[in-house]
Structure formats: C-alpha cells, structure tokens
Amino acid sequence: MNLPPEYHMRSDDDSPALAALLEMLALERLPRTGWLQAGLPQAESIAAHSHGVATLALTLGTQVEPPLDVDRVVTLCVAHDLPEARLGDLPRTAADLLPPGAKRSAEEAAGDALLEPFGPQSRARLEEYLIGETREARFARVCDRLQLALRLLAYARAGARGLGRFRRGVEGLDCSEFDVAREMRDEVVAAIVATGAFE
C-alpha cells in the first residue's frame, strides 16, 4: 500500500513526546468539517486554520489597548485545536447533539493526553484557552472566530455561494472587548456581503 509518509513515522520505540508530535501531524491532513458540509471541495486543514488564528493574534494583538501578552495569545492560538489531532473537527451540528459539557470534556482529555509528555505549562495553555477567562484567552477565541470570517471571505471571492449558514455566526461575533477585532469583523462582513455569497 502506498500511504503518505506520515503514516509510516510512528514506532513502538518512540518516546511519548515523539509519539505525540507525530500524532499532531494529523492536523495537517484533517479538514475543517464545516466547510465540507457547506459543499466546498477543498476545505482548509485544521493546521491551516490554527496558523491563520495565530497570525491574526500576532498582527492584531499588538494593536489592542490596554496591551496584551501577544506571545501568550499566539501560544494559546497554536494550542487551541491540538485536541483535534485525536478528536477530529467536530462540526457544530454534531456538537449540538452531545450532552452539555461532553465536547469540552473530550477536548480536555485529548489535550491532556497529547500534551502530557511536555509538562504542565503546555497543558496549562490549552486549559487557559478552554476556560476563556483571561483577556489573552478571550482575544484568542475572538481570533478563532475571526479567522473563520476571513476564510469565508476568501471562499466567497473565489466564487463560493450559498454560504448563508455562516452569516449569523460571523455577524454575531462579539468583539466588543477588542476594538481592532470589531473593526476587522465589520470590514470582513461588509466584504462578504458585497460578494453575494450569503444569498
């Protein structure tokens, strides 16, 4: 069988850290399922999404007042979808069918298992994101949703239509705590509307 190289990389002799890092490579192949459900033929990968979220945090985060710990925000953004290496990208339609808290519990368990070889600080960053109480975590969460809006605009400008299912989530993104994110959201939403992709 001719499988991609990453399928052959794991060995029983690997340290727990190496095994976890190899498992995280799945994020480069796993698609964002919401785009697949919308009928888009080339959905971005989870890793591409995480990179986009971290890029937003790096670029917009420096403009937030009072200042954020931008390095920490970027770390939170890199960590936020690591559990999906084990869980996949669970679409909202599936998550809504789960008992309250089940998705979060699964994300915590998967994140703990994947990050355990790297010590408590790595796990603490994922936990900080999931809890969402710090300003840095709240900004990282806004960047997560804002990246979806940017990707939506890119798909719309490439000719995708019938994307109305995403409209409420994009327009309703609460950016009230971070002016720079609110301004970017408003600009992106106006650009999407101008394409006609929401119709």
N, C-alpha and C. Protein backbone atom coordinates (compact mmCIF):
# COMPACT_ATOMS: atom_id res chain seq x y z
N MET A 1 0.85 -1.17 0.00
CA MET A 1 0.00 0.00 0.00
C MET A 1 0.89 1.24 0.00
N ASN A 2 0.55 2.22 -0.77
CA ASN A 2 1.35 3.43 -0.92
C ASN A 2 0.71 4.56 -0.11
N LEU A 3 1.02 4.63 1.19
CA LEU A 3 0.46 5.64 2.07
C LEU A 3 1.39 6.85 2.16
N PRO A 4 0.84 8.01 2.50
CA PRO A 4 1.70 9.17 2.71
C PRO A 4 2.75 8.88 3.79
N PRO A 5 3.89 9.54 3.73
CA PRO A 5 4.99 9.23 4.64
C PRO A 5 4.63 9.31 6.12
N GLU A 6 3.75 10.25 6.52
CA GLU A 6 3.47 10.39 7.94
C GLU A 6 2.80 9.17 8.55
N TYR A 7 2.17 8.33 7.72
CA TYR A 7 1.56 7.12 8.24
C TYR A 7 2.61 6.10 8.67
N HIS A 8 3.82 6.23 8.18
CA HIS A 8 4.87 5.27 8.48
C HIS A 8 5.82 5.77 9.56
N MET A 9 5.56 6.91 10.13
CA MET A 9 6.53 7.53 11.01
C MET A 9 6.54 6.99 12.42
N ARG A 10 5.45 6.47 12.93
CA ARG A 10 5.40 6.05 14.33
C ARG A 10 6.00 4.67 14.52
N SER A 11 6.64 4.52 15.67
CA SER A 11 7.27 3.25 16.02
C SER A 11 7.03 2.97 17.49
N ASP A 12 6.99 1.71 17.87
CA ASP A 12 6.84 1.35 19.28
C ASP A 12 8.02 1.83 20.11
N ASP A 13 9.12 2.13 19.47
CA ASP A 13 10.32 2.60 20.17
C ASP A 13 10.31 4.10 20.43
N ASP A 14 9.32 4.82 19.93
CA ASP A 14 9.26 6.27 20.09
C ASP A 14 9.05 6.66 21.55
N SER A 15 9.67 7.74 21.95
CA SER A 15 9.38 8.32 23.27
C SER A 15 7.96 8.86 23.26
N PRO A 16 7.34 9.06 24.42
CA PRO A 16 6.00 9.65 24.45
C PRO A 16 5.94 11.01 23.75
N ALA A 17 6.99 11.81 23.89
CA ALA A 17 6.99 13.13 23.24
C ALA A 17 7.00 12.99 21.72
N LEU A 18 7.86 12.11 21.20
CA LEU A 18 7.92 11.91 19.76
C LEU A 18 6.60 11.35 19.24
N ALA A 19 6.03 10.40 19.95
CA ALA A 19 4.75 9.82 19.52
C ALA A 19 3.65 10.89 19.47
N ALA A 20 3.63 11.77 20.47
CA ALA A 20 2.61 12.83 20.49
C ALA A 20 2.82 13.82 19.34
N LEU A 21 4.06 14.20 19.09
CA LEU A 21 4.34 15.13 17.99
C LEU A 21 3.95 14.52 16.65
N LEU A 22 4.22 13.25 16.47
CA LEU A 22 3.83 12.59 15.22
C LEU A 22 2.31 12.52 15.10
N GLU A 23 1.64 12.27 16.22
CA GLU A 23 0.18 12.23 16.19
C GLU A 23 -0.41 13.59 15.81
N MET A 24 0.23 14.66 16.26
CA MET A 24 -0.26 16.00 15.95
C MET A 24 -0.13 16.34 14.47
N LEU A 25 0.71 15.61 13.74
CA LEU A 25 0.81 15.84 12.29
C LEU A 25 -0.51 15.60 11.58
N ALA A 26 -1.41 14.85 12.20
CA ALA A 26 -2.73 14.61 11.61
C ALA A 26 -3.46 15.93 11.34
N LEU A 27 -3.15 16.96 12.12
CA LEU A 27 -3.81 18.26 11.93
C LEU A 27 -3.56 18.85 10.56
N GLU A 28 -2.44 18.46 9.94
CA GLU A 28 -2.13 18.95 8.60
C GLU A 28 -3.03 18.31 7.54
N ARG A 29 -3.57 17.13 7.84
CA ARG A 29 -4.40 16.40 6.88
C ARG A 29 -5.89 16.53 7.17
N LEU A 30 -6.25 16.69 8.44
CA LEU A 30 -7.66 16.70 8.82
C LEU A 30 -8.33 17.99 8.38
N PRO A 31 -9.45 17.89 7.67
CA PRO A 31 -10.13 19.10 7.18
C PRO A 31 -11.04 19.71 8.25
N ARG A 32 -11.34 20.97 8.07
CA ARG A 32 -12.36 21.64 8.87
C ARG A 32 -13.71 21.20 8.30
N THR A 33 -14.47 20.48 9.09
CA THR A 33 -15.65 19.80 8.58
C THR A 33 -16.79 20.73 8.19
N GLY A 34 -16.88 21.88 8.81
CA GLY A 34 -17.95 22.82 8.44
C GLY A 34 -17.88 23.22 6.98
N TRP A 35 -16.66 23.36 6.47
CA TRP A 35 -16.51 23.71 5.05
C TRP A 35 -16.92 22.54 4.17
N LEU A 36 -16.61 21.32 4.59
CA LEU A 36 -17.04 20.15 3.82
C LEU A 36 -18.56 20.06 3.79
N GLN A 37 -19.20 20.29 4.94
CA GLN A 37 -20.66 20.25 4.99
C GLN A 37 -21.29 21.33 4.13
N ALA A 38 -20.57 22.43 3.93
CA ALA A 38 -21.07 23.51 3.07
C ALA A 38 -20.84 23.22 1.59
N GLY A 39 -20.20 22.08 1.29
CA GLY A 39 -20.00 21.69 -0.10
C GLY A 39 -18.76 22.24 -0.75
N LEU A 40 -17.85 22.79 0.04
CA LEU A 40 -16.61 23.33 -0.53
C LEU A 40 -15.65 22.18 -0.81
N PRO A 41 -15.14 22.09 -2.02
CA PRO A 41 -14.34 20.92 -2.41
C PRO A 41 -12.96 20.86 -1.77
N GLN A 42 -12.38 21.99 -1.42
CA GLN A 42 -11.04 21.99 -0.85
C GLN A 42 -11.07 22.72 0.49
N ALA A 43 -11.54 22.02 1.51
CA ALA A 43 -11.63 22.62 2.83
C ALA A 43 -10.23 22.79 3.42
N GLU A 44 -10.05 23.91 4.13
CA GLU A 44 -8.75 24.12 4.78
C GLU A 44 -8.54 23.05 5.84
N SER A 45 -7.29 22.77 6.15
CA SER A 45 -6.97 21.81 7.20
C SER A 45 -7.06 22.49 8.56
N ILE A 46 -7.12 21.68 9.61
CA ILE A 46 -7.13 22.22 10.96
C ILE A 46 -5.83 22.99 11.21
N ALA A 47 -4.71 22.47 10.73
CA ALA A 47 -3.43 23.15 10.92
C ALA A 47 -3.41 24.50 10.20
N ALA A 48 -3.97 24.57 9.01
CA ALA A 48 -4.03 25.85 8.29
C ALA A 48 -4.88 26.85 9.06
N HIS A 49 -5.99 26.37 9.61
CA HIS A 49 -6.84 27.24 10.43
C HIS A 49 -6.07 27.75 11.64
N SER A 50 -5.39 26.86 12.36
CA SER A 50 -4.64 27.27 13.55
C SER A 50 -3.56 28.29 13.20
N HIS A 51 -2.91 28.09 12.07
CA HIS A 51 -1.90 29.06 11.62
C HIS A 51 -2.56 30.41 11.37
N GLY A 52 -3.71 30.41 10.73
CA GLY A 52 -4.42 31.66 10.48
C GLY A 52 -4.84 32.36 11.75
N VAL A 53 -5.28 31.59 12.75
CA VAL A 53 -5.68 32.16 14.04
C VAL A 53 -4.47 32.80 14.72
N ALA A 54 -3.34 32.08 14.72
CA ALA A 54 -2.12 32.60 15.34
C ALA A 54 -1.63 33.86 14.61
N THR A 55 -1.77 33.88 13.29
CA THR A 55 -1.36 35.05 12.51
C THR A 55 -2.22 36.26 12.86
N LEU A 56 -3.52 36.05 13.00
CA LEU A 56 -4.40 37.15 13.42
C LEU A 56 -3.99 37.66 14.80
N ALA A 57 -3.72 36.75 15.72
CA ALA A 57 -3.32 37.15 17.07
C ALA A 57 -2.04 37.97 17.04
N LEU A 58 -1.09 37.54 16.24
CA LEU A 58 0.19 38.24 16.14
C LEU A 58 0.03 39.63 15.54
N THR A 59 -0.77 39.74 14.50
CA THR A 59 -0.89 41.01 13.78
C THR A 59 -1.86 41.98 14.44
N LEU A 60 -3.01 41.50 14.87
CA LEU A 60 -3.98 42.40 15.50
C LEU A 60 -3.71 42.60 16.98
N GLY A 61 -3.11 41.60 17.61
CA GLY A 61 -2.88 41.65 19.06
C GLY A 61 -2.01 42.81 19.50
N THR A 62 -1.10 43.23 18.65
CA THR A 62 -0.21 44.34 19.01
C THR A 62 -0.95 45.68 19.04
N GLN A 63 -2.16 45.71 18.51
CA GLN A 63 -2.93 46.95 18.44
C GLN A 63 -3.98 47.06 19.55
N VAL A 64 -4.06 46.05 20.40
CA VAL A 64 -5.06 46.03 21.47
C VAL A 64 -4.59 46.91 22.63
N GLU A 65 -5.51 47.71 23.16
CA GLU A 65 -5.26 48.53 24.35
C GLU A 65 -6.29 48.19 25.41
N PRO A 66 -5.90 48.09 26.67
CA PRO A 66 -4.52 48.01 27.15
C PRO A 66 -3.81 46.80 26.55
N PRO A 67 -2.48 46.86 26.50
CA PRO A 67 -1.72 45.82 25.80
C PRO A 67 -1.96 44.41 26.34
N LEU A 68 -1.91 43.47 25.42
CA LEU A 68 -1.99 42.05 25.74
C LEU A 68 -0.59 41.46 25.77
N ASP A 69 -0.46 40.30 26.38
CA ASP A 69 0.76 39.49 26.24
C ASP A 69 0.59 38.73 24.92
N VAL A 70 1.03 39.35 23.84
CA VAL A 70 0.79 38.81 22.50
C VAL A 70 1.46 37.45 22.31
N ASP A 71 2.64 37.27 22.88
CA ASP A 71 3.30 35.97 22.75
C ASP A 71 2.43 34.87 23.37
N ARG A 72 1.82 35.17 24.51
CA ARG A 72 0.95 34.18 25.14
C ARG A 72 -0.30 33.94 24.30
N VAL A 73 -0.86 34.99 23.73
CA VAL A 73 -2.03 34.82 22.87
C VAL A 73 -1.70 33.90 21.69
N VAL A 74 -0.55 34.13 21.06
CA VAL A 74 -0.15 33.29 19.93
C VAL A 74 0.00 31.84 20.38
N THR A 75 0.59 31.62 21.55
CA THR A 75 0.72 30.26 22.08
C THR A 75 -0.65 29.62 22.29
N LEU A 76 -1.59 30.38 22.84
CA LEU A 76 -2.95 29.85 23.03
C LEU A 76 -3.57 29.47 21.70
N CYS A 77 -3.34 30.29 20.68
CA CYS A 77 -3.91 30.02 19.36
C CYS A 77 -3.31 28.76 18.74
N VAL A 78 -2.02 28.57 18.92
CA VAL A 78 -1.38 27.36 18.41
C VAL A 78 -1.95 26.13 19.13
N ALA A 79 -2.18 26.26 20.43
CA ALA A 79 -2.64 25.12 21.23
C ALA A 79 -4.12 24.81 21.07
N HIS A 80 -4.93 25.77 20.65
CA HIS A 80 -6.38 25.66 20.82
C HIS A 80 -7.01 24.46 20.11
N ASP A 81 -6.49 24.02 18.99
CA ASP A 81 -7.09 22.89 18.29
C ASP A 81 -6.24 21.62 18.34
N LEU A 82 -5.21 21.59 19.17
CA LEU A 82 -4.39 20.37 19.27
C LEU A 82 -5.21 19.13 19.62
N PRO A 83 -6.24 19.22 20.49
CA PRO A 83 -7.03 18.02 20.77
C PRO A 83 -7.67 17.40 19.53
N GLU A 84 -7.86 18.19 18.48
CA GLU A 84 -8.49 17.67 17.27
C GLU A 84 -7.61 16.68 16.53
N ALA A 85 -6.34 16.57 16.91
CA ALA A 85 -5.50 15.52 16.35
C ALA A 85 -6.07 14.15 16.71
N ARG A 86 -6.75 14.07 17.86
CA ARG A 86 -7.41 12.82 18.27
C ARG A 86 -8.90 12.83 18.00
N LEU A 87 -9.52 13.98 18.11
CA LEU A 87 -10.98 14.05 18.01
C LEU A 87 -11.49 14.36 16.61
N GLY A 88 -10.64 14.93 15.76
CA GLY A 88 -11.12 15.46 14.50
C GLY A 88 -11.84 16.78 14.77
N ASP A 89 -12.27 17.43 13.72
CA ASP A 89 -13.00 18.69 13.83
C ASP A 89 -14.48 18.36 13.93
N LEU A 90 -14.99 18.35 15.15
CA LEU A 90 -16.39 18.01 15.37
C LEU A 90 -17.26 19.19 14.94
N PRO A 91 -18.10 19.00 13.92
CA PRO A 91 -18.91 20.12 13.45
C PRO A 91 -19.96 20.51 14.48
N ARG A 92 -20.39 21.76 14.41
CA ARG A 92 -21.39 22.26 15.35
C ARG A 92 -22.65 21.40 15.33
N THR A 93 -23.03 20.91 14.15
CA THR A 93 -24.23 20.08 14.05
C THR A 93 -24.10 18.82 14.90
N ALA A 94 -22.90 18.28 15.02
CA ALA A 94 -22.67 17.10 15.86
C ALA A 94 -22.54 17.50 17.32
N ALA A 95 -21.80 18.57 17.59
CA ALA A 95 -21.59 19.02 18.97
C ALA A 95 -22.91 19.36 19.65
N ASP A 96 -23.86 19.90 18.88
CA ASP A 96 -25.16 20.26 19.45
C ASP A 96 -25.96 19.05 19.90
N LEU A 97 -25.61 17.86 19.42
CA LEU A 97 -26.31 16.64 19.80
C LEU A 97 -25.73 15.99 21.05
N LEU A 98 -24.58 16.45 21.49
CA LEU A 98 -23.92 15.87 22.66
C LEU A 98 -24.49 16.45 23.95
N PRO A 99 -24.38 15.70 25.04
CA PRO A 99 -24.79 16.26 26.33
C PRO A 99 -23.96 17.50 26.67
N PRO A 100 -24.52 18.42 27.43
CA PRO A 100 -23.77 19.63 27.79
C PRO A 100 -22.43 19.26 28.44
N GLY A 101 -21.38 19.91 27.98
CA GLY A 101 -20.05 19.69 28.53
C GLY A 101 -19.28 18.52 27.96
N ALA A 102 -19.93 17.68 27.15
CA ALA A 102 -19.26 16.47 26.64
C ALA A 102 -18.11 16.83 25.69
N LYS A 103 -18.34 17.78 24.81
CA LYS A 103 -17.28 18.16 23.86
C LYS A 103 -16.09 18.73 24.62
N ARG A 104 -16.36 19.61 25.56
CA ARG A 104 -15.27 20.21 26.34
C ARG A 104 -14.50 19.15 27.11
N SER A 105 -15.21 18.19 27.71
CA SER A 105 -14.53 17.10 28.44
C SER A 105 -13.64 16.29 27.52
N ALA A 106 -14.13 16.01 26.33
CA ALA A 106 -13.33 15.24 25.36
C ALA A 106 -12.11 16.04 24.94
N GLU A 107 -12.28 17.36 24.71
CA GLU A 107 -11.14 18.20 24.33
C GLU A 107 -10.10 18.25 25.44
N GLU A 108 -10.56 18.36 26.68
CA GLU A 108 -9.62 18.38 27.80
C GLU A 108 -8.86 17.06 27.91
N ALA A 109 -9.58 15.95 27.78
CA ALA A 109 -8.92 14.63 27.89
C ALA A 109 -7.92 14.42 26.76
N ALA A 110 -8.32 14.76 25.54
CA ALA A 110 -7.42 14.59 24.39
C ALA A 110 -6.21 15.51 24.52
N GLY A 111 -6.44 16.75 24.93
CA GLY A 111 -5.34 17.69 25.11
C GLY A 111 -4.39 17.25 26.21
N ASP A 112 -4.93 16.79 27.33
CA ASP A 112 -4.08 16.30 28.41
C ASP A 112 -3.22 15.13 27.95
N ALA A 113 -3.82 14.21 27.22
CA ALA A 113 -3.07 13.03 26.75
C ALA A 113 -1.97 13.42 25.76
N LEU A 114 -2.30 14.30 24.83
CA LEU A 114 -1.31 14.71 23.83
C LEU A 114 -0.18 15.55 24.42
N LEU A 115 -0.52 16.41 25.36
CA LEU A 115 0.47 17.36 25.88
C LEU A 115 1.17 16.87 27.14
N GLU A 116 0.74 15.76 27.71
CA GLU A 116 1.33 15.23 28.95
C GLU A 116 2.84 15.07 28.86
N PRO A 117 3.40 14.58 27.74
CA PRO A 117 4.86 14.42 27.69
C PRO A 117 5.64 15.73 27.75
N PHE A 118 4.97 16.85 27.59
CA PHE A 118 5.66 18.14 27.50
C PHE A 118 5.56 18.97 28.78
N GLY A 119 4.93 18.42 29.80
CA GLY A 119 4.88 19.09 31.08
C GLY A 119 3.66 19.96 31.28
N PRO A 120 3.54 20.49 32.50
CA PRO A 120 2.31 21.20 32.87
C PRO A 120 2.08 22.52 32.15
N GLN A 121 3.14 23.21 31.72
CA GLN A 121 2.92 24.52 31.10
C GLN A 121 2.17 24.40 29.78
N SER A 122 2.49 23.39 28.98
CA SER A 122 1.77 23.19 27.71
C SER A 122 0.30 22.91 27.98
N ARG A 123 0.03 22.05 28.94
CA ARG A 123 -1.36 21.72 29.27
C ARG A 123 -2.07 22.94 29.86
N ALA A 124 -1.34 23.74 30.62
CA ALA A 124 -1.94 24.94 31.22
C ALA A 124 -2.38 25.93 30.15
N ARG A 125 -1.63 26.05 29.07
CA ARG A 125 -2.00 26.97 28.00
C ARG A 125 -3.29 26.52 27.31
N LEU A 126 -3.41 25.23 27.04
CA LEU A 126 -4.64 24.73 26.44
C LEU A 126 -5.81 24.95 27.40
N GLU A 127 -5.60 24.66 28.68
CA GLU A 127 -6.66 24.85 29.67
C GLU A 127 -7.07 26.32 29.76
N GLU A 128 -6.08 27.21 29.71
CA GLU A 128 -6.38 28.65 29.74
C GLU A 128 -7.29 29.03 28.58
N TYR A 129 -6.99 28.51 27.39
CA TYR A 129 -7.83 28.80 26.23
C TYR A 129 -9.24 28.24 26.44
N LEU A 130 -9.34 26.99 26.86
CA LEU A 130 -10.65 26.36 27.00
C LEU A 130 -11.51 27.05 28.06
N ILE A 131 -10.90 27.49 29.15
CA ILE A 131 -11.65 28.18 30.20
C ILE A 131 -12.07 29.58 29.72
N GLY A 132 -11.17 30.27 29.05
CA GLY A 132 -11.50 31.55 28.43
C GLY A 132 -11.70 32.72 29.37
N GLU A 133 -11.06 32.71 30.54
CA GLU A 133 -11.26 33.79 31.50
C GLU A 133 -10.27 34.94 31.35
N THR A 134 -9.05 34.69 30.91
CA THR A 134 -8.07 35.76 30.79
C THR A 134 -8.34 36.59 29.53
N ARG A 135 -7.87 37.83 29.53
CA ARG A 135 -8.03 38.67 28.33
C ARG A 135 -7.35 38.01 27.14
N GLU A 136 -6.18 37.40 27.39
CA GLU A 136 -5.46 36.74 26.30
C GLU A 136 -6.28 35.60 25.72
N ALA A 137 -6.91 34.82 26.58
CA ALA A 137 -7.73 33.71 26.09
C ALA A 137 -8.96 34.23 25.35
N ARG A 138 -9.56 35.29 25.85
CA ARG A 138 -10.73 35.85 25.17
C ARG A 138 -10.35 36.40 23.80
N PHE A 139 -9.19 37.04 23.71
CA PHE A 139 -8.75 37.54 22.41
C PHE A 139 -8.43 36.38 21.47
N ALA A 140 -7.81 35.33 21.98
CA ALA A 140 -7.53 34.15 21.15
C ALA A 140 -8.82 33.55 20.61
N ARG A 141 -9.86 33.51 21.43
CA ARG A 141 -11.16 32.98 20.99
C ARG A 141 -11.78 33.87 19.91
N VAL A 142 -11.64 35.17 20.06
CA VAL A 142 -12.14 36.09 19.03
C VAL A 142 -11.37 35.85 17.72
N CYS A 143 -10.05 35.68 17.82
CA CYS A 143 -9.25 35.42 16.62
C CYS A 143 -9.67 34.12 15.95
N ASP A 144 -10.04 33.12 16.74
CA ASP A 144 -10.51 31.84 16.20
C ASP A 144 -11.73 32.06 15.32
N ARG A 145 -12.69 32.82 15.80
CA ARG A 145 -13.92 33.07 15.04
C ARG A 145 -13.67 34.04 13.88
N LEU A 146 -12.79 35.00 14.11
CA LEU A 146 -12.49 35.97 13.06
C LEU A 146 -11.77 35.30 11.89
N GLN A 147 -10.95 34.29 12.18
CA GLN A 147 -10.28 33.58 11.10
C GLN A 147 -11.30 32.87 10.22
N LEU A 148 -12.36 32.33 10.83
CA LEU A 148 -13.43 31.71 10.05
C LEU A 148 -14.02 32.74 9.09
N ALA A 149 -14.23 33.95 9.57
CA ALA A 149 -14.79 35.00 8.72
C ALA A 149 -13.85 35.33 7.56
N LEU A 150 -12.56 35.42 7.84
CA LEU A 150 -11.59 35.68 6.77
C LEU A 150 -11.57 34.56 5.74
N ARG A 151 -11.61 33.32 6.21
CA ARG A 151 -11.62 32.17 5.30
C ARG A 151 -12.89 32.20 4.47
N LEU A 152 -14.01 32.55 5.10
CA LEU A 152 -15.28 32.66 4.39
C LEU A 152 -15.18 33.70 3.28
N LEU A 153 -14.57 34.83 3.57
CA LEU A 153 -14.38 35.86 2.55
C LEU A 153 -13.52 35.33 1.41
N ALA A 154 -12.46 34.62 1.73
CA ALA A 154 -11.59 34.06 0.68
C ALA A 154 -12.37 33.08 -0.20
N TYR A 155 -13.18 32.21 0.41
CA TYR A 155 -14.00 31.28 -0.38
C TYR A 155 -15.01 32.05 -1.23
N ALA A 156 -15.63 33.08 -0.64
CA ALA A 156 -16.62 33.87 -1.38
C ALA A 156 -15.99 34.55 -2.58
N ARG A 157 -14.81 35.11 -2.41
CA ARG A 157 -14.14 35.79 -3.52
C ARG A 157 -13.64 34.80 -4.57
N ALA A 158 -13.50 33.54 -4.18
CA ALA A 158 -13.12 32.50 -5.15
C ALA A 158 -14.34 31.95 -5.89
N GLY A 159 -15.54 32.46 -5.53
CA GLY A 159 -16.74 32.07 -6.26
C GLY A 159 -17.72 31.21 -5.49
N ALA A 160 -17.42 30.85 -4.25
CA ALA A 160 -18.35 30.03 -3.46
C ALA A 160 -19.61 30.85 -3.16
N ARG A 161 -20.75 30.20 -3.24
CA ARG A 161 -22.03 30.85 -2.95
C ARG A 161 -22.84 29.94 -2.03
N GLY A 162 -23.97 30.45 -1.57
CA GLY A 162 -24.83 29.67 -0.69
C GLY A 162 -24.23 29.47 0.69
N LEU A 163 -23.50 30.46 1.17
CA LEU A 163 -22.82 30.34 2.46
C LEU A 163 -23.59 31.03 3.59
N GLY A 164 -24.89 31.19 3.39
CA GLY A 164 -25.72 31.86 4.37
C GLY A 164 -25.73 31.22 5.74
N ARG A 165 -25.45 29.92 5.81
CA ARG A 165 -25.44 29.23 7.11
C ARG A 165 -24.40 29.81 8.06
N PHE A 166 -23.40 30.49 7.52
CA PHE A 166 -22.35 31.06 8.35
C PHE A 166 -22.62 32.51 8.75
N ARG A 167 -23.64 33.12 8.16
CA ARG A 167 -23.86 34.56 8.34
C ARG A 167 -24.08 34.95 9.80
N ARG A 168 -24.97 34.28 10.46
CA ARG A 168 -25.30 34.65 11.84
C ARG A 168 -24.07 34.57 12.75
N GLY A 169 -23.28 33.52 12.58
CA GLY A 169 -22.09 33.37 13.41
C GLY A 169 -21.05 34.44 13.16
N VAL A 170 -20.91 34.83 11.90
CA VAL A 170 -19.91 35.85 11.55
C VAL A 170 -20.38 37.23 12.00
N GLU A 171 -21.62 37.58 11.68
CA GLU A 171 -22.14 38.90 12.06
C GLU A 171 -22.31 39.03 13.57
N GLY A 172 -22.59 37.92 14.23
CA GLY A 172 -22.83 37.95 15.67
C GLY A 172 -21.58 37.79 16.52
N LEU A 173 -20.42 37.74 15.90
CA LEU A 173 -19.17 37.58 16.65
C LEU A 173 -18.99 38.77 17.59
N ASP A 174 -18.97 38.50 18.88
CA ASP A 174 -18.84 39.55 19.89
C ASP A 174 -17.38 39.98 20.01
N CYS A 175 -17.10 41.14 19.47
CA CYS A 175 -15.74 41.71 19.52
C CYS A 175 -15.72 42.97 20.37
N SER A 176 -16.73 43.17 21.20
CA SER A 176 -16.89 44.44 21.91
C SER A 176 -15.72 44.76 22.82
N GLU A 177 -15.01 43.76 23.29
CA GLU A 177 -13.87 43.99 24.18
C GLU A 177 -12.62 44.47 23.43
N PHE A 178 -12.57 44.22 22.13
CA PHE A 178 -11.35 44.48 21.36
C PHE A 178 -11.70 45.26 20.10
N ASP A 179 -11.48 46.57 20.13
CA ASP A 179 -11.87 47.44 19.02
C ASP A 179 -11.27 47.00 17.69
N VAL A 180 -10.00 46.63 17.69
CA VAL A 180 -9.34 46.26 16.43
C VAL A 180 -10.01 45.04 15.81
N ALA A 181 -10.46 44.10 16.62
CA ALA A 181 -11.15 42.92 16.11
C ALA A 181 -12.54 43.29 15.59
N ARG A 182 -13.22 44.19 16.30
CA ARG A 182 -14.55 44.63 15.85
C ARG A 182 -14.46 45.32 14.50
N GLU A 183 -13.46 46.18 14.35
CA GLU A 183 -13.29 46.89 13.08
C GLU A 183 -12.99 45.91 11.94
N MET A 184 -12.15 44.92 12.21
CA MET A 184 -11.83 43.92 11.18
C MET A 184 -13.05 43.08 10.86
N ARG A 185 -13.81 42.67 11.89
CA ARG A 185 -15.03 41.90 11.65
C ARG A 185 -15.98 42.68 10.76
N ASP A 186 -16.19 43.95 11.06
CA ASP A 186 -17.12 44.76 10.28
C ASP A 186 -16.66 44.88 8.83
N GLU A 187 -15.37 45.07 8.62
CA GLU A 187 -14.83 45.17 7.26
C GLU A 187 -14.99 43.85 6.50
N VAL A 188 -14.71 42.74 7.18
CA VAL A 188 -14.82 41.43 6.54
C VAL A 188 -16.27 41.11 6.21
N VAL A 189 -17.19 41.37 7.14
CA VAL A 189 -18.61 41.11 6.89
C VAL A 189 -19.10 41.92 5.70
N ALA A 190 -18.75 43.20 5.64
CA ALA A 190 -19.17 44.03 4.51
C ALA A 190 -18.62 43.48 3.20
N ALA A 191 -17.39 43.00 3.22
CA ALA A 191 -16.79 42.44 2.00
C ALA A 191 -17.48 41.15 1.58
N ILE A 192 -17.88 40.32 2.56
CA ILE A 192 -18.59 39.08 2.23
C ILE A 192 -19.96 39.41 1.63
N VAL A 193 -20.67 40.33 2.27
CA VAL A 193 -22.00 40.73 1.78
C VAL A 193 -21.88 41.24 0.34
N ALA A 194 -20.84 41.99 0.05
CA ALA A 194 -20.66 42.54 -1.30
C ALA A 194 -20.47 41.45 -2.35
N THR A 195 -19.99 40.28 -1.96
CA THR A 195 -19.81 39.19 -2.93
C THR A 195 -21.11 38.49 -3.28
N GLY A 196 -22.13 38.63 -2.42
CA GLY A 196 -23.39 37.91 -2.62
C GLY A 196 -23.35 36.47 -2.13
N ALA A 197 -22.29 36.08 -1.43
CA ALA A 197 -22.14 34.68 -1.01
C ALA A 197 -23.12 34.27 0.07
N PHE A 198 -23.69 35.23 0.80
CA PHE A 198 -24.64 34.89 1.86
C PHE A 198 -26.03 34.61 1.31
N GLU A 199 -26.27 34.92 0.04
CA GLU A 199 -27.62 34.78 -0.53
C GLU A 199 -27.88 33.36 -0.99
